[in-house]
PDB file of N, CA and C in Angstrom:
ATOM      1  N   MET A   1      81.684 115.302 105.103  1.00  0.00           N
ATOM      2  CA  MET A   1      80.724 114.245 105.300  1.00  0.00           C
ATOM      3  C   MET A   1      81.472 112.977 105.714  1.00  0.00           C
ATOM      4  N   PRO A   2      81.029 112.330 106.788  1.00  0.00           N
ATOM      5  CA  PRO A   2      81.707 111.097 107.220  1.00  0.00           C
ATOM      6  C   PRO A   2      81.489 109.978 106.208  1.00  0.00           C
ATOM      7  N   PRO A   3      82.424 109.033 106.158  1.00  0.00           N
ATOM      8  CA  PRO A   3      82.266 107.923 105.218  1.00  0.00           C
ATOM      9  C   PRO A   3      81.037 107.083 105.570  1.00  0.00           C
ATOM     10  N   LYS A   4      80.462 106.484 104.563  1.00  0.00           N
ATOM     11  CA  LYS A   4      79.300 105.627 104.766  1.00  0.00           C
ATOM     12  C   LYS A   4      79.700 104.412 105.592  1.00  0.00           C
ATOM     13  N   ARG A   5      78.897 104.110 106.607  1.00  0.00           N
ATOM     14  CA  ARG A   5      79.162 102.948 107.451  1.00  0.00           C
ATOM     15  C   ARG A   5      78.774 101.671 106.733  1.00  0.00           C
ATOM     16  N   ILE A   6      79.550 100.656 106.965  1.00  0.00           N
ATOM     17  CA  ILE A   6      79.263  99.337 106.392  1.00  0.00           C
ATOM     18  C   ILE A   6      78.487  98.553 107.437  1.00  0.00           C
ATOM     19  N   GLU A   7      77.344  98.060 107.044  1.00  0.00           N
ATOM     20  CA  GLU A   7      76.533  97.251 107.953  1.00  0.00           C
ATOM     21  C   GLU A   7      77.302  95.977 108.311  1.00  0.00           C
ATOM     22  N   ASP A   8      77.142  95.518 109.544  1.00  0.00           N
ATOM     23  CA  ASP A   8      77.863  94.327 109.996  1.00  0.00           C
ATOM     24  C   ASP A   8      77.591  93.117 109.108  1.00  0.00           C
ATOM     25  N   ALA A   9      76.349  92.918 108.726  1.00  0.00           N
ATOM     26  CA  ALA A   9      76.013  91.750 107.891  1.00  0.00           C
ATOM     27  C   ALA A   9      76.748  91.807 106.555  1.00  0.00           C
ATOM     28  N   VAL A  10      76.830  92.979 105.967  1.00  0.00           N
ATOM     29  CA  VAL A  10      77.524  93.151 104.690  1.00  0.00           C
ATOM     30  C   VAL A  10      79.023  92.923 104.870  1.00  0.00           C
ATOM     31  N   GLY A  11      79.570  93.468 105.952  1.00  0.00           N
ATOM     32  CA  GLY A  11      80.994  93.285 106.238  1.00  0.00           C
ATOM     33  C   GLY A  11      81.361  91.833 106.468  1.00  0.00           C
ATOM     34  N   ARG A  12      80.520  91.132 107.208  1.00  0.00           N
ATOM     35  CA  ARG A  12      80.788  89.712 107.470  1.00  0.00           C
ATOM     36  C   ARG A  12      80.754  88.885 106.192  1.00  0.00           C
ATOM     37  N   VAL A  13      79.812  89.179 105.314  1.00  0.00           N
ATOM     38  CA  VAL A  13      79.723  88.445 104.041  1.00  0.00           C
ATOM     39  C   VAL A  13      81.001  88.673 103.233  1.00  0.00           C
ATOM     40  N   ALA A  14      81.437  89.911 103.140  1.00  0.00           N
ATOM     41  CA  ALA A  14      82.657  90.219 102.374  1.00  0.00           C
ATOM     42  C   ALA A  14      83.874  89.558 103.009  1.00  0.00           C
ATOM     43  N   LEU A  15      83.987  89.630 104.332  1.00  0.00           N
ATOM     44  CA  LEU A  15      85.122  89.021 105.022  1.00  0.00           C
ATOM     45  C   LEU A  15      85.129  87.509 104.820  1.00  0.00           C
ATOM     46  N   THR A  16      83.977  86.888 104.916  1.00  0.00           N
ATOM     47  CA  THR A  16      83.874  85.446 104.694  1.00  0.00           C
ATOM     48  C   THR A  16      84.305  85.093 103.273  1.00  0.00           C
ATOM     49  N   ALA A  17      83.900  85.901 102.313  1.00  0.00           N
ATOM     50  CA  ALA A  17      84.285  85.658 100.917  1.00  0.00           C
ATOM     51  C   ALA A  17      85.795  85.758 100.750  1.00  0.00           C
ATOM     52  N   VAL A  18      86.405  86.779 101.340  1.00  0.00           N
ATOM     53  CA  VAL A  18      87.860  86.960 101.227  1.00  0.00           C
ATOM     54  C   VAL A  18      88.589  85.817 101.925  1.00  0.00           C
ATOM     55  N   LEU A  19      88.126  85.443 103.096  1.00  0.00           N
ATOM     56  CA  LEU A  19      88.761  84.329 103.806  1.00  0.00           C
ATOM     57  C   LEU A  19      88.605  83.025 103.041  1.00  0.00           C
ATOM     58  N   GLY A  20      87.568  82.945 102.222  1.00  0.00           N
ATOM     59  CA  GLY A  20      87.347  81.770 101.383  1.00  0.00           C
ATOM     60  C   GLY A  20      88.129  81.800 100.077  1.00  0.00           C
ATOM     61  N   GLY A  21      88.882  82.874  99.869  1.00  0.00           N
ATOM     62  CA  GLY A  21      89.731  82.944  98.690  1.00  0.00           C
ATOM     63  C   GLY A  21      89.342  83.977  97.649  1.00  0.00           C
ATOM     64  N   SER A  22      88.271  84.715  97.876  1.00  0.00           N
ATOM     65  CA  SER A  22      87.856  85.718  96.894  1.00  0.00           C
ATOM     66  C   SER A  22      88.905  86.817  96.765  1.00  0.00           C
ATOM     67  N   THR A  23      89.192  87.167  95.539  1.00  0.00           N
ATOM     68  CA  THR A  23      90.076  88.301  95.260  1.00  0.00           C
ATOM     69  C   THR A  23      89.317  89.395  94.515  1.00  0.00           C
ATOM     70  N   VAL A  24      87.993  89.282  94.488  1.00  0.00           N
ATOM     71  CA  VAL A  24      87.153  90.298  93.851  1.00  0.00           C
ATOM     72  C   VAL A  24      87.364  91.620  94.603  1.00  0.00           C
ATOM     73  N   ARG A  25      87.693  92.657  93.856  1.00  0.00           N
ATOM     74  CA  ARG A  25      88.058  93.938  94.470  1.00  0.00           C
ATOM     75  C   ARG A  25      86.991  94.458  95.443  1.00  0.00           C
ATOM     76  N   THR A  26      85.722  94.336  95.097  1.00  0.00           N
ATOM     77  CA  THR A  26      84.686  94.846  95.994  1.00  0.00           C
ATOM     78  C   THR A  26      84.629  94.042  97.295  1.00  0.00           C
ATOM     79  N   ASP A  27      84.858  92.738  97.232  1.00  0.00           N
ATOM     80  CA  ASP A  27      84.908  91.922  98.451  1.00  0.00           C
ATOM     81  C   ASP A  27      86.071  92.350  99.333  1.00  0.00           C
ATOM     82  N   VAL A  28      87.248  92.481  98.727  1.00  0.00           N
ATOM     83  CA  VAL A  28      88.446  92.869  99.483  1.00  0.00           C
ATOM     84  C   VAL A  28      88.260  94.259 100.084  1.00  0.00           C
ATOM     85  N   ALA A  29      87.802  95.206  99.286  1.00  0.00           N
ATOM     86  CA  ALA A  29      87.612  96.576  99.760  1.00  0.00           C
ATOM     87  C   ALA A  29      86.632  96.624 100.921  1.00  0.00           C
ATOM     88  N   THR A  30      85.516  95.927 100.786  1.00  0.00           N
ATOM     89  CA  THR A  30      84.504  95.936 101.849  1.00  0.00           C
ATOM     90  C   THR A  30      85.038  95.268 103.111  1.00  0.00           C
ATOM     91  N   ALA A  31      85.730  94.149 102.967  1.00  0.00           N
ATOM     92  CA  ALA A  31      86.291  93.456 104.136  1.00  0.00           C
ATOM     93  C   ALA A  31      87.311  94.331 104.851  1.00  0.00           C
ATOM     94  N   VAL A  32      88.185  94.981 104.102  1.00  0.00           N
ATOM     95  CA  VAL A  32      89.190  95.869 104.701  1.00  0.00           C
ATOM     96  C   VAL A  32      88.506  97.036 105.398  1.00  0.00           C
ATOM     97  N   ARG A  33      87.612  97.696 104.707  1.00  0.00           N
ATOM     98  CA  ARG A  33      86.948  98.874 105.285  1.00  0.00           C
ATOM     99  C   ARG A  33      86.134  98.509 106.521  1.00  0.00           C
ATOM    100  N   TRP A  34      85.463  97.375 106.461  1.00  0.00           N
ATOM    101  CA  TRP A  34      84.643  96.972 107.603  1.00  0.00           C
ATOM    102  C   TRP A  34      85.492  96.624 108.822  1.00  0.00           C
ATOM    103  N   THR A  35      86.581  95.888 108.619  1.00  0.00           N
ATOM    104  CA  THR A  35      87.425  95.547 109.772  1.00  0.00           C
ATOM    105  C   THR A  35      88.116  96.794 110.332  1.00  0.00           C
ATOM    106  N   LEU A  36      88.493  97.728 109.476  1.00  0.00           N
ATOM    107  CA  LEU A  36      89.040  98.999 109.976  1.00  0.00           C
ATOM    108  C   LEU A  36      87.970  99.776 110.734  1.00  0.00           C
ATOM    109  N   GLN A  37      86.762  99.778 110.223  1.00  0.00           N
ATOM    110  CA  GLN A  37      85.648 100.430 110.907  1.00  0.00           C
ATOM    111  C   GLN A  37      85.440  99.830 112.287  1.00  0.00           C
ATOM    112  N   ARG A  38      85.486  98.489 112.364  1.00  0.00           N
ATOM    113  CA  ARG A  38      85.327  97.810 113.653  1.00  0.00           C
ATOM    114  C   ARG A  38      86.457  98.188 114.618  1.00  0.00           C
ATOM    115  N   LEU A  39      87.692  98.264 114.101  1.00  0.00           N
ATOM    116  CA  LEU A  39      88.815  98.673 114.942  1.00  0.00           C
ATOM    117  C   LEU A  39      88.565 100.061 115.508  1.00  0.00           C
ATOM    118  N   ALA A  40      88.186 101.005 114.654  1.00  0.00           N
ATOM    119  CA  ALA A  40      87.943 102.374 115.098  1.00  0.00           C
ATOM    120  C   ALA A  40      86.782 102.452 116.087  1.00  0.00           C
ATOM    121  N   ASP A  41      85.760 101.618 115.902  1.00  0.00           N
ATOM    122  CA  ASP A  41      84.629 101.584 116.837  1.00  0.00           C
ATOM    123  C   ASP A  41      85.051 101.035 118.201  1.00  0.00           C
ATOM    124  N   ASP A  42      85.867  99.992 118.188  1.00  0.00           N
ATOM    125  CA  ASP A  42      86.258  99.320 119.425  1.00  0.00           C
ATOM    126  C   ASP A  42      87.362 100.039 120.190  1.00  0.00           C
ATOM    127  N   VAL A  43      88.198 100.778 119.469  1.00  0.00           N
ATOM    128  CA  VAL A  43      89.336 101.463 120.085  1.00  0.00           C
ATOM    129  C   VAL A  43      89.326 102.928 119.621  1.00  0.00           C
ATOM    130  N   PRO A  44      88.313 103.682 120.046  1.00  0.00           N
ATOM    131  CA  PRO A  44      88.196 105.047 119.549  1.00  0.00           C
ATOM    132  C   PRO A  44      89.360 105.926 120.003  1.00  0.00           C
ATOM    133  N   GLY A  45      89.713 106.827 119.149  1.00  0.00           N
ATOM    134  CA  GLY A  45      90.786 107.766 119.453  1.00  0.00           C
ATOM    135  C   GLY A  45      91.384 108.304 118.181  1.00  0.00           C
ATOM    136  N   ASN A  46      92.416 109.127 118.349  1.00  0.00           N
ATOM    137  CA  ASN A  46      93.030 109.772 117.198  1.00  0.00           C
ATOM    138  C   ASN A  46      94.542 109.723 117.237  1.00  0.00           C
ATOM    139  N   SER A  47      95.115 108.823 118.022  1.00  0.00           N
ATOM    140  CA  SER A  47      96.573 108.863 118.154  1.00  0.00           C
ATOM    141  C   SER A  47      97.309 107.956 117.172  1.00  0.00           C
ATOM    142  N   VAL A  48      96.604 107.016 116.542  1.00  0.00           N
ATOM    143  CA  VAL A  48      97.246 106.125 115.565  1.00  0.00           C
ATOM    144  C   VAL A  48      96.413 106.118 114.289  1.00  0.00           C
ATOM    145  N   GLU A  49      97.078 106.290 113.171  1.00  0.00           N
ATOM    146  CA  GLU A  49      96.388 106.163 111.889  1.00  0.00           C
ATOM    147  C   GLU A  49      96.754 104.810 111.300  1.00  0.00           C
ATOM    148  N   VAL A  50      95.748 104.010 110.988  1.00  0.00           N
ATOM    149  CA  VAL A  50      95.952 102.694 110.382  1.00  0.00           C
ATOM    150  C   VAL A  50      95.547 102.812 108.920  1.00  0.00           C
ATOM    151  N   ARG A  51      96.519 102.563 108.033  1.00  0.00           N
ATOM    152  CA  ARG A  51      96.307 102.732 106.596  1.00  0.00           C
ATOM    153  C   ARG A  51      96.420 101.394 105.871  1.00  0.00           C
ATOM    154  N   VAL A  52      95.453 101.144 104.997  1.00  0.00           N
ATOM    155  CA  VAL A  52      95.489  99.971 104.123  1.00  0.00           C
ATOM    156  C   VAL A  52      95.186 100.478 102.707  1.00  0.00           C
ATOM    157  N   PRO A  53      96.226 101.017 102.055  1.00  0.00           N
ATOM    158  CA  PRO A  53      96.005 101.564 100.721  1.00  0.00           C
ATOM    159  C   PRO A  53      95.728 100.452  99.714  1.00  0.00           C
ATOM    160  N   PRO A  54      94.918 100.691  98.735  1.00  0.00           N
ATOM    161  CA  PRO A  54      94.240 101.945  98.411  1.00  0.00           C
ATOM    162  C   PRO A  54      92.837 102.023  98.997  1.00  0.00           C
ATOM    163  N   PHE A  55      92.521 101.160  99.939  1.00  0.00           N
ATOM    164  CA  PHE A  55      91.139 101.014 100.367  1.00  0.00           C
ATOM    165  C   PHE A  55      90.667 101.975 101.446  1.00  0.00           C
ATOM    166  N   ALA A  56      91.439 102.174 102.503  1.00  0.00           N
ATOM    167  CA  ALA A  56      90.936 103.000 103.599  1.00  0.00           C
ATOM    168  C   ALA A  56      92.032 103.298 104.611  1.00  0.00           C
ATOM    169  N   ALA A  57      91.722 104.257 105.454  1.00  0.00           N
ATOM    170  CA  ALA A  57      92.552 104.584 106.614  1.00  0.00           C
ATOM    171  C   ALA A  57      91.610 105.048 107.717  1.00  0.00           C
ATOM    172  N   VAL A  58      91.946 104.698 108.948  1.00  0.00           N
ATOM    173  CA  VAL A  58      91.156 105.152 110.097  1.00  0.00           C
ATOM    174  C   VAL A  58      92.099 105.646 111.181  1.00  0.00           C
ATOM    175  N   GLN A  59      91.554 106.468 112.036  1.00  0.00           N
ATOM    176  CA  GLN A  59      92.280 106.869 113.233  1.00  0.00           C
ATOM    177  C   GLN A  59      91.646 106.154 114.410  1.00  0.00           C
ATOM    178  N   ALA A  60      92.497 105.667 115.288  1.00  0.00           N
ATOM    179  CA  ALA A  60      92.032 104.899 116.437  1.00  0.00           C
ATOM    180  C   ALA A  60      93.025 105.067 117.576  1.00  0.00           C
ATOM    181  N   VAL A  61      92.774 104.462 118.673  1.00  0.00           N
ATOM    182  CA  VAL A  61      93.617 104.380 119.864  1.00  0.00           C
ATOM    183  C   VAL A  61      93.615 105.712 120.624  1.00  0.00           C
ATOM    184  N   PRO A  62      93.201 105.666 121.882  1.00  0.00           N
ATOM    185  CA  PRO A  62      93.207 106.875 122.699  1.00  0.00           C
ATOM    186  C   PRO A  62      94.619 107.439 122.859  1.00  0.00           C
ATOM    187  N   GLY A  63      94.696 108.723 123.017  1.00  0.00           N
ATOM    188  CA  GLY A  63      95.986 109.381 123.214  1.00  0.00           C
ATOM    189  C   GLY A  63      96.001 110.736 122.564  1.00  0.00           C
ATOM    190  N   PRO A  64      97.168 111.319 122.463  1.00  0.00           N
ATOM    191  CA  PRO A  64      97.271 112.664 121.894  1.00  0.00           C
ATOM    192  C   PRO A  64      96.771 112.704 120.450  1.00  0.00           C
ATOM    193  N   ARG A  65      96.084 113.760 120.142  1.00  0.00           N
ATOM    194  CA  ARG A  65      95.534 113.937 118.799  1.00  0.00           C
ATOM    195  C   ARG A  65      96.469 114.825 117.987  1.00  0.00           C
ATOM    196  N   HIS A  66      96.688 114.451 116.742  1.00  0.00           N
ATOM    197  CA  HIS A  66      97.453 115.319 115.864  1.00  0.00           C
ATOM    198  C   HIS A  66      96.464 116.141 115.044  1.00  0.00           C
ATOM    199  N   THR A  67      96.881 117.321 114.626  1.00  0.00           N
ATOM    200  CA  THR A  67      95.950 118.176 113.904  1.00  0.00           C
ATOM    201  C   THR A  67      96.409 118.557 112.508  1.00  0.00           C
ATOM    202  N   ARG A  68      97.700 118.425 112.222  1.00  0.00           N
ATOM    203  CA  ARG A  68      98.179 118.801 110.892  1.00  0.00           C
ATOM    204  C   ARG A  68      99.284 117.872 110.438  1.00  0.00           C
ATOM    205  N   GLY A  69      99.347 117.662 109.134  1.00  0.00           N
ATOM    206  CA  GLY A  69     100.438 116.884 108.575  1.00  0.00           C
ATOM    207  C   GLY A  69     100.340 115.405 108.861  1.00  0.00           C
ATOM    208  N   THR A  70     101.451 114.724 108.684  1.00  0.00           N
ATOM    209  CA  THR A  70     101.520 113.286 108.907  1.00  0.00           C
ATOM    210  C   THR A  70     101.419 112.993 110.395  1.00  0.00           C
ATOM    211  N   PRO A  71     100.550 112.086 110.787  1.00  0.00           N
ATOM    212  CA  PRO A  71     100.432 111.750 112.204  1.00  0.00           C
ATOM    213  C   PRO A  71     101.718 111.108 112.723  1.00  0.00           C
ATOM    214  N   PRO A  72     102.014 111.272 114.008  1.00  0.00           N
ATOM    215  CA  PRO A  72     103.244 110.709 114.567  1.00  0.00           C
ATOM    216  C   PRO A  72     103.217 109.189 114.719  1.00  0.00           C
ATOM    217  N   ASN A  73     102.044 108.598 114.723  1.00  0.00           N
ATOM    218  CA  ASN A  73     101.899 107.153 114.893  1.00  0.00           C
ATOM    219  C   ASN A  73     101.115 106.600 113.712  1.00  0.00           C
ATOM    220  N   VAL A  74     101.804 105.843 112.864  1.00  0.00           N
ATOM    221  CA  VAL A  74     101.181 105.337 111.643  1.00  0.00           C
ATOM    222  C   VAL A  74     101.463 103.851 111.496  1.00  0.00           C
ATOM    223  N   VAL A  75     100.426 103.113 111.135  1.00  0.00           N
ATOM    224  CA  VAL A  75     100.531 101.706 110.778  1.00  0.00           C
ATOM    225  C   VAL A  75     100.071 101.614 109.330  1.00  0.00           C
ATOM    226  N   GLU A  76     100.868 100.970 108.491  1.00  0.00           N
ATOM    227  CA  GLU A  76     100.474 100.814 107.090  1.00  0.00           C
ATOM    228  C   GLU A  76     100.806  99.402 106.628  1.00  0.00           C
ATOM    229  N   THR A  77      99.862  98.820 105.900  1.00  0.00           N
ATOM    230  CA  THR A  77     100.056  97.473 105.380  1.00  0.00           C
ATOM    231  C   THR A  77      99.170  97.261 104.162  1.00  0.00           C
ATOM    232  N   ASP A  78      99.343  96.135 103.507  1.00  0.00           N
ATOM    233  CA  ASP A  78      98.510  95.790 102.362  1.00  0.00           C
ATOM    234  C   ASP A  78      97.242  95.081 102.845  1.00  0.00           C
ATOM    235  N   ALA A  79      96.301  94.917 101.943  1.00  0.00           N
ATOM    236  CA  ALA A  79      95.007  94.341 102.292  1.00  0.00           C
ATOM    237  C   ALA A  79      95.108  92.915 102.837  1.00  0.00           C
ATOM    238  N   ALA A  80      95.888  92.065 102.193  1.00  0.00           N
ATOM    239  CA  ALA A  80      95.985  90.670 102.645  1.00  0.00           C
ATOM    240  C   ALA A  80      96.569  90.585 104.052  1.00  0.00           C
ATOM    241  N   THR A  81      97.587  91.379 104.308  1.00  0.00           N
ATOM    242  CA  THR A  81      98.193  91.373 105.643  1.00  0.00           C
ATOM    243  C   THR A  81      97.212  91.905 106.675  1.00  0.00           C
ATOM    244  N   TRP A  82      96.510  92.999 106.337  1.00  0.00           N
ATOM    245  CA  TRP A  82      95.541  93.556 107.283  1.00  0.00           C
ATOM    246  C   TRP A  82      94.452  92.538 107.611  1.00  0.00           C
ATOM    247  N   ILE A  83      93.911  91.868 106.604  1.00  0.00           N
ATOM    248  CA  ILE A  83      92.868  90.867 106.854  1.00  0.00           C
ATOM    249  C   ILE A  83      93.410  89.762 107.758  1.00  0.00           C
ATOM    250  N   ALA A  84      94.637  89.322 107.519  1.00  0.00           N
ATOM    251  CA  ALA A  84      95.244  88.287 108.361  1.00  0.00           C
ATOM    252  C   ALA A  84      95.421  88.774 109.796  1.00  0.00           C
ATOM    253  N   LEU A  85      95.862  90.008 109.968  1.00  0.00           N
ATOM    254  CA  LEU A  85      96.008  90.577 111.311  1.00  0.00           C
ATOM    255  C   LEU A  85      94.639  90.736 111.983  1.00  0.00           C
ATOM    256  N   ALA A  86      93.687  91.279 111.232  1.00  0.00           N
ATOM    257  CA  ALA A  86      92.364  91.555 111.785  1.00  0.00           C
ATOM    258  C   ALA A  86      91.631  90.300 112.213  1.00  0.00           C
ATOM    259  N   THR A  87      91.907  89.189 111.545  1.00  0.00           N
ATOM    260  CA  THR A  87      91.216  87.940 111.870  1.00  0.00           C
ATOM    261  C   THR A  87      92.016  87.032 112.801  1.00  0.00           C
ATOM    262  N   GLY A  88      93.244  87.416 113.097  1.00  0.00           N
ATOM    263  CA  GLY A  88      94.052  86.633 114.021  1.00  0.00           C
ATOM    264  C   GLY A  88      94.833  85.506 113.380  1.00  0.00           C
ATOM    265  N   SER A  89      94.839  85.423 112.056  1.00  0.00           N
ATOM    266  CA  SER A  89      95.619  84.356 111.424  1.00  0.00           C
ATOM    267  C   SER A  89      97.090  84.738 111.256  1.00  0.00           C
ATOM    268  N   LEU A  90      97.421  85.981 111.569  1.00  0.00           N
ATOM    269  CA  LEU A  90      98.804  86.457 111.552  1.00  0.00           C
ATOM    270  C   LEU A  90      99.018  87.298 112.798  1.00  0.00           C
ATOM    271  N   ARG A  91     100.101  87.035 113.493  1.00  0.00           N
ATOM    272  CA  ARG A  91     100.423  87.802 114.696  1.00  0.00           C
ATOM    273  C   ARG A  91     101.165  89.074 114.313  1.00  0.00           C
ATOM    274  N   TRP A  92     100.926  90.123 115.083  1.00  0.00           N
ATOM    275  CA  TRP A  92     101.559  91.419 114.848  1.00  0.00           C
ATOM    276  C   TRP A  92     103.074  91.290 114.773  1.00  0.00           C
ATOM    277  N   SER A  93     103.668  90.603 115.732  1.00  0.00           N
ATOM    278  CA  SER A  93     105.125  90.476 115.772  1.00  0.00           C
ATOM    279  C   SER A  93     105.662  89.779 114.521  1.00  0.00           C
ATOM    280  N   GLU A  94     104.933  88.790 114.023  1.00  0.00           N
ATOM    281  CA  GLU A  94     105.343  88.094 112.798  1.00  0.00           C
ATOM    282  C   GLU A  94     105.260  89.027 111.586  1.00  0.00           C
ATOM    283  N   ALA A  95     104.201  89.818 111.519  1.00  0.00           N
ATOM    284  CA  ALA A  95     104.028  90.747 110.395  1.00  0.00           C
ATOM    285  C   ALA A  95     105.120  91.808 110.388  1.00  0.00           C
ATOM    286  N   VAL A  96     105.455  92.331 111.556  1.00  0.00           N
ATOM    287  CA  VAL A  96     106.509  93.341 111.652  1.00  0.00           C
ATOM    288  C   VAL A  96     107.854  92.723 111.294  1.00  0.00           C
ATOM    289  N   ALA A  97     108.139  91.548 111.834  1.00  0.00           N
ATOM    290  CA  ALA A  97     109.421  90.887 111.570  1.00  0.00           C
ATOM    291  C   ALA A  97     109.599  90.568 110.088  1.00  0.00           C
ATOM    292  N   ALA A  98     108.506  90.259 109.409  1.00  0.00           N
ATOM    293  CA  ALA A  98     108.566  89.923 107.985  1.00  0.00           C
ATOM    294  C   ALA A  98     108.439  91.162 107.092  1.00  0.00           C
ATOM    295  N   ALA A  99     108.416  92.333 107.705  1.00  0.00           N
ATOM    296  CA  ALA A  99     108.277  93.606 106.979  1.00  0.00           C
ATOM    297  C   ALA A  99     106.989  93.663 106.169  1.00  0.00           C
ATOM    298  N   ARG A 100     105.956  93.013 106.665  1.00  0.00           N
ATOM    299  CA  ARG A 100     104.653  93.062 105.998  1.00  0.00           C
ATOM    300  C   ARG A 100     103.813  94.220 106.498  1.00  0.00           C
ATOM    301  N   VAL A 101     104.288  94.860 107.556  1.00  0.00           N
ATOM    302  CA  VAL A 101     103.609  96.023 108.106  1.00  0.00           C
ATOM    303  C   VAL A 101     104.666  97.049 108.479  1.00  0.00           C
ATOM    304  N   SER A 102     104.343  98.297 108.245  1.00  0.00           N
ATOM    305  CA  SER A 102     105.207  99.393 108.650  1.00  0.00           C
ATOM    306  C   SER A 102     104.531 100.083 109.823  1.00  0.00           C
ATOM    307  N   ALA A 103     105.244 100.208 110.926  1.00  0.00           N
ATOM    308  CA  ALA A 103     104.685 100.844 112.110  1.00  0.00           C
ATOM    309  C   ALA A 103     105.688 101.860 112.643  1.00  0.00           C
ATOM    310  N   SER A 104     105.264 103.110 112.697  1.00  0.00           N
ATOM    311  CA  SER A 104     106.151 104.148 113.205  1.00  0.00           C
ATOM    312  C   SER A 104     105.451 104.922 114.309  1.00  0.00           C
ATOM    313  N   GLY A 105     106.201 105.275 115.305  1.00  0.00           N
ATOM    314  CA  GLY A 105     105.665 106.021 116.430  1.00  0.00           C
ATOM    315  C   GLY A 105     105.551 105.165 117.671  1.00  0.00           C
ATOM    316  N   SER A 106     105.559 105.827 118.812  1.00  0.00           N
ATOM    317  CA  SER A 106     105.569 105.123 120.096  1.00  0.00           C
ATOM    318  C   SER A 106     104.264 104.393 120.398  1.00  0.00           C
ATOM    319  N   ARG A 107     103.173 104.745 119.755  1.00  0.00           N
ATOM    320  CA  ARG A 107     101.882 104.094 119.995  1.00  0.00           C
ATOM    321  C   ARG A 107     101.458 103.179 118.853  1.00  0.00           C
ATOM    322  N   ALA A 108     102.329 102.964 117.889  1.00  0.00           N
ATOM    323  CA  ALA A 108     101.944 102.245 116.673  1.00  0.00           C
ATOM    324  C   ALA A 108     101.821 100.729 116.837  1.00  0.00           C
ATOM    325  N   ASP A 109     102.242 100.182 117.945  1.00  0.00           N
ATOM    326  CA  ASP A 109     102.076  98.744 118.176  1.00  0.00           C
ATOM    327  C   ASP A 109     100.627  98.496 118.591  1.00  0.00           C
ATOM    328  N   ILE A 110      99.847  97.890 117.702  1.00  0.00           N
ATOM    329  CA  ILE A 110      98.424  97.687 117.979  1.00  0.00           C
ATOM    330  C   ILE A 110      98.107  96.242 118.374  1.00  0.00           C
ATOM    331  N   THR A 111      99.111  95.531 118.865  1.00  0.00           N
ATOM    332  CA  THR A 111      98.934  94.142 119.281  1.00  0.00           C
ATOM    333  C   THR A 111      97.726  93.955 120.193  1.00  0.00           C
ATOM    334  N   ALA A 112      97.558  94.861 121.138  1.00  0.00           N
ATOM    335  CA  ALA A 112      96.493  94.725 122.131  1.00  0.00           C
ATOM    336  C   ALA A 112      95.093  94.795 121.522  1.00  0.00           C
ATOM    337  N   PHE A 113      94.989  95.275 120.291  1.00  0.00           N
ATOM    338  CA  PHE A 113      93.681  95.476 119.674  1.00  0.00           C
ATOM    339  C   PHE A 113      93.385  94.471 118.558  1.00  0.00           C
ATOM    340  N   LEU A 114      94.261  93.481 118.434  1.00  0.00           N
ATOM    341  CA  LEU A 114      94.107  92.454 117.405  1.00  0.00           C
ATOM    342  C   LEU A 114      93.904  91.096 118.049  1.00  0.00           C
ATOM    343  N   PRO A 115      93.118  90.211 117.459  1.00  0.00           N
ATOM    344  CA  PRO A 115      92.336  90.427 116.252  1.00  0.00           C
ATOM    345  C   PRO A 115      91.173  91.393 116.504  1.00  0.00           C
ATOM    346  N   VAL A 116      90.650  91.953 115.440  1.00  0.00           N
ATOM    347  CA  VAL A 116      89.531  92.869 115.508  1.00  0.00           C
ATOM    348  C   VAL A 116      88.279  92.068 115.837  1.00  0.00           C
ATOM    349  N   ARG A 117      87.454  92.636 116.673  1.00  0.00           N
ATOM    350  CA  ARG A 117      86.196  91.963 117.057  1.00  0.00           C
ATOM    351  C   ARG A 117      85.218  92.052 115.882  1.00  0.00           C
ATOM    352  N   THR A 118      84.947  90.916 115.246  1.00  0.00           N
ATOM    353  CA  THR A 118      84.061  90.905 114.092  1.00  0.00           C
ATOM    354  C   THR A 118      82.708  90.267 114.391  1.00  0.00           C
ATOM    355  N   ALA A 119      82.527  89.791 115.600  1.00  0.00           N
ATOM    356  CA  ALA A 119      81.230  89.229 116.010  1.00  0.00           C
ATOM    357  C   ALA A 119      80.574  90.204 116.969  1.00  0.00           C
ATOM    358  N   THR A 120      79.277  90.338 116.858  1.00  0.00           N
ATOM    359  CA  THR A 120      78.547  91.243 117.754  1.00  0.00           C
ATOM    360  C   THR A 120      77.658  90.495 118.673  1.00  0.00           C
TER     361      THR A 120
END
């Protein structure tokens, strides 16, 4: 069964709360999941797995699909870093240089897809 979709209005409320300083777990979880959902919607594909433990992971970016085991292209970061990347308050190159994001694989640089489109 596919994961339940987060409505845009609900996602925006959670993201606004987190950007305003909320550390309530449900706000953070919803904001992370919604921005990852938006990334996957805007850049469909299966060549890069973007992980924000413990909240969610999505596959995105067109290209070769993996079928078993660990994907060859993985991006992993914490929730605060992901929210900063997704909203454009942190640049990809800065996050990588500061070791705030782990990116492995030839397609793991997702600079072209950030910030995530959160307005419809």
